[in-house]
Amino acid sequence: MDLFLLLFLICPVIVLILSAAGFFLFPKWYVMPLVTFAVFTVLMFVFFNQSFIIWVVMYTCLSAVITFLFTFIRKRKLTA
C-alpha cells in the first residue's frame, strides 16, 4: 500500500468515522482524542518510525476538532 495514500486519505477518514461514532458512545469530548492518540502512538512504535509522531499529533487534533464540532452541534440542537 502506498504510504501517501495511507497518511492523507485512509487514516483521516478512519479518524473522522471513529471520532464521530465514538462521540455518540462516549459523549465526553476528551475520550476519542485520547483513544486516537493512544492507538496511533502504538501504531507508530509497531509499524512506523519516530517521525510518525507528527501524524499522531495531527490525527489527534483532527479527532478533537470533530468531537468539538459534534459537541457544538449537540448543544445548539438542545437549545433550539
Protein backbone atom coordinates (compact mmCIF):
# COMPACT_ATOMS: atom_id res chain seq x y z
CA MET A 1 0.00 0.00 0.00
CA ASP A 2 1.22 3.47 -0.81
CA LEU A 3 2.26 5.43 2.29
CA PHE A 4 0.99 8.69 0.79
CA LEU A 5 -2.48 7.22 0.33
CA LEU A 6 -2.44 5.84 3.85
CA LEU A 7 -1.38 9.11 5.51
CA PHE A 8 -3.55 11.52 3.55
CA LEU A 9 -6.70 9.57 2.80
CA ILE A 10 -7.23 6.34 4.70
CA CYS A 11 -6.15 7.34 8.21
CA PRO A 12 -8.01 10.69 8.25
CA VAL A 13 -11.20 9.03 7.03
CA ILE A 14 -10.86 6.36 9.71
CA VAL A 15 -10.28 9.05 12.35
CA LEU A 16 -13.33 11.01 11.16
CA ILE A 17 -15.63 8.00 11.22
CA LEU A 18 -14.40 6.61 14.54
CA SER A 19 -14.42 10.02 16.23
CA ALA A 20 -17.99 10.64 15.14
CA ALA A 21 -19.11 7.17 16.22
CA GLY A 22 -17.13 7.33 19.44
CA PHE A 23 -18.69 10.66 20.37
CA PHE A 24 -22.12 9.05 20.45
CA LEU A 25 -20.82 6.13 22.52
CA PHE A 26 -18.76 8.26 24.92
CA PRO A 27 -20.21 11.80 24.96
CA LYS A 28 -17.25 13.29 26.84
CA TRP A 29 -15.20 15.44 24.46
CA TYR A 30 -11.80 14.14 25.55
CA VAL A 31 -12.34 10.38 25.19
CA MET A 32 -11.93 9.96 21.43
CA PRO A 33 -8.88 12.24 21.07
CA LEU A 34 -7.19 10.24 23.85
CA VAL A 35 -8.11 6.95 22.19
CA THR A 36 -6.86 8.27 18.85
CA PHE A 37 -3.59 9.38 20.42
CA ALA A 38 -3.09 6.04 22.14
CA VAL A 39 -3.89 3.94 19.06
CA PHE A 40 -1.70 5.92 16.69
CA THR A 41 1.15 6.02 19.21
CA VAL A 42 1.10 2.23 19.36
CA LEU A 43 0.97 2.09 15.57
CA MET A 44 3.93 4.44 15.44
CA PHE A 45 6.08 2.13 17.55
CA VAL A 46 4.92 -1.05 15.82
CA PHE A 47 4.77 -0.13 12.12
CA PHE A 48 6.39 3.27 11.61
CA ASN A 49 9.38 5.20 12.89
CA GLN A 50 9.70 8.16 15.27
CA SER A 51 8.93 10.70 12.55
CA PHE A 52 5.30 9.48 12.55
CA ILE A 53 4.75 11.43 15.80
CA ILE A 54 3.81 14.44 13.65
CA TRP A 55 0.95 12.45 12.16
CA VAL A 56 -0.08 11.19 15.60
CA VAL A 57 -0.48 14.80 16.73
CA MET A 58 -2.32 15.77 13.52
CA TYR A 59 -4.78 12.88 13.80
CA THR A 60 -5.35 13.66 17.48
CA CYS A 61 -6.09 17.29 16.60
CA LEU A 62 -8.46 16.15 13.86
CA SER A 63 -10.26 13.93 16.34
CA ALA A 64 -10.52 16.80 18.83
CA VAL A 65 -11.94 19.11 16.16
CA ILE A 66 -14.56 16.52 15.21
CA THR A 67 -15.61 15.96 18.82
CA PHE A 68 -15.81 19.72 19.47
CA LEU A 69 -17.91 20.09 16.34
CA PHE A 70 -20.31 17.39 17.47
CA THR A 71 -20.43 18.90 20.97
CA PHE A 72 -21.30 22.28 19.48
CA ILE A 73 -23.99 20.76 17.26
CA ARG A 74 -25.47 18.81 20.17
CA LYS A 75 -25.60 21.90 22.43
CA ARG A 76 -27.09 24.01 19.66
CA LYS A 77 -29.74 21.37 18.93
CA LEU A 78 -30.68 21.16 22.64
CA THR A 79 -31.14 24.93 22.93
CA ALA A 80 -33.15 25.27 19.72
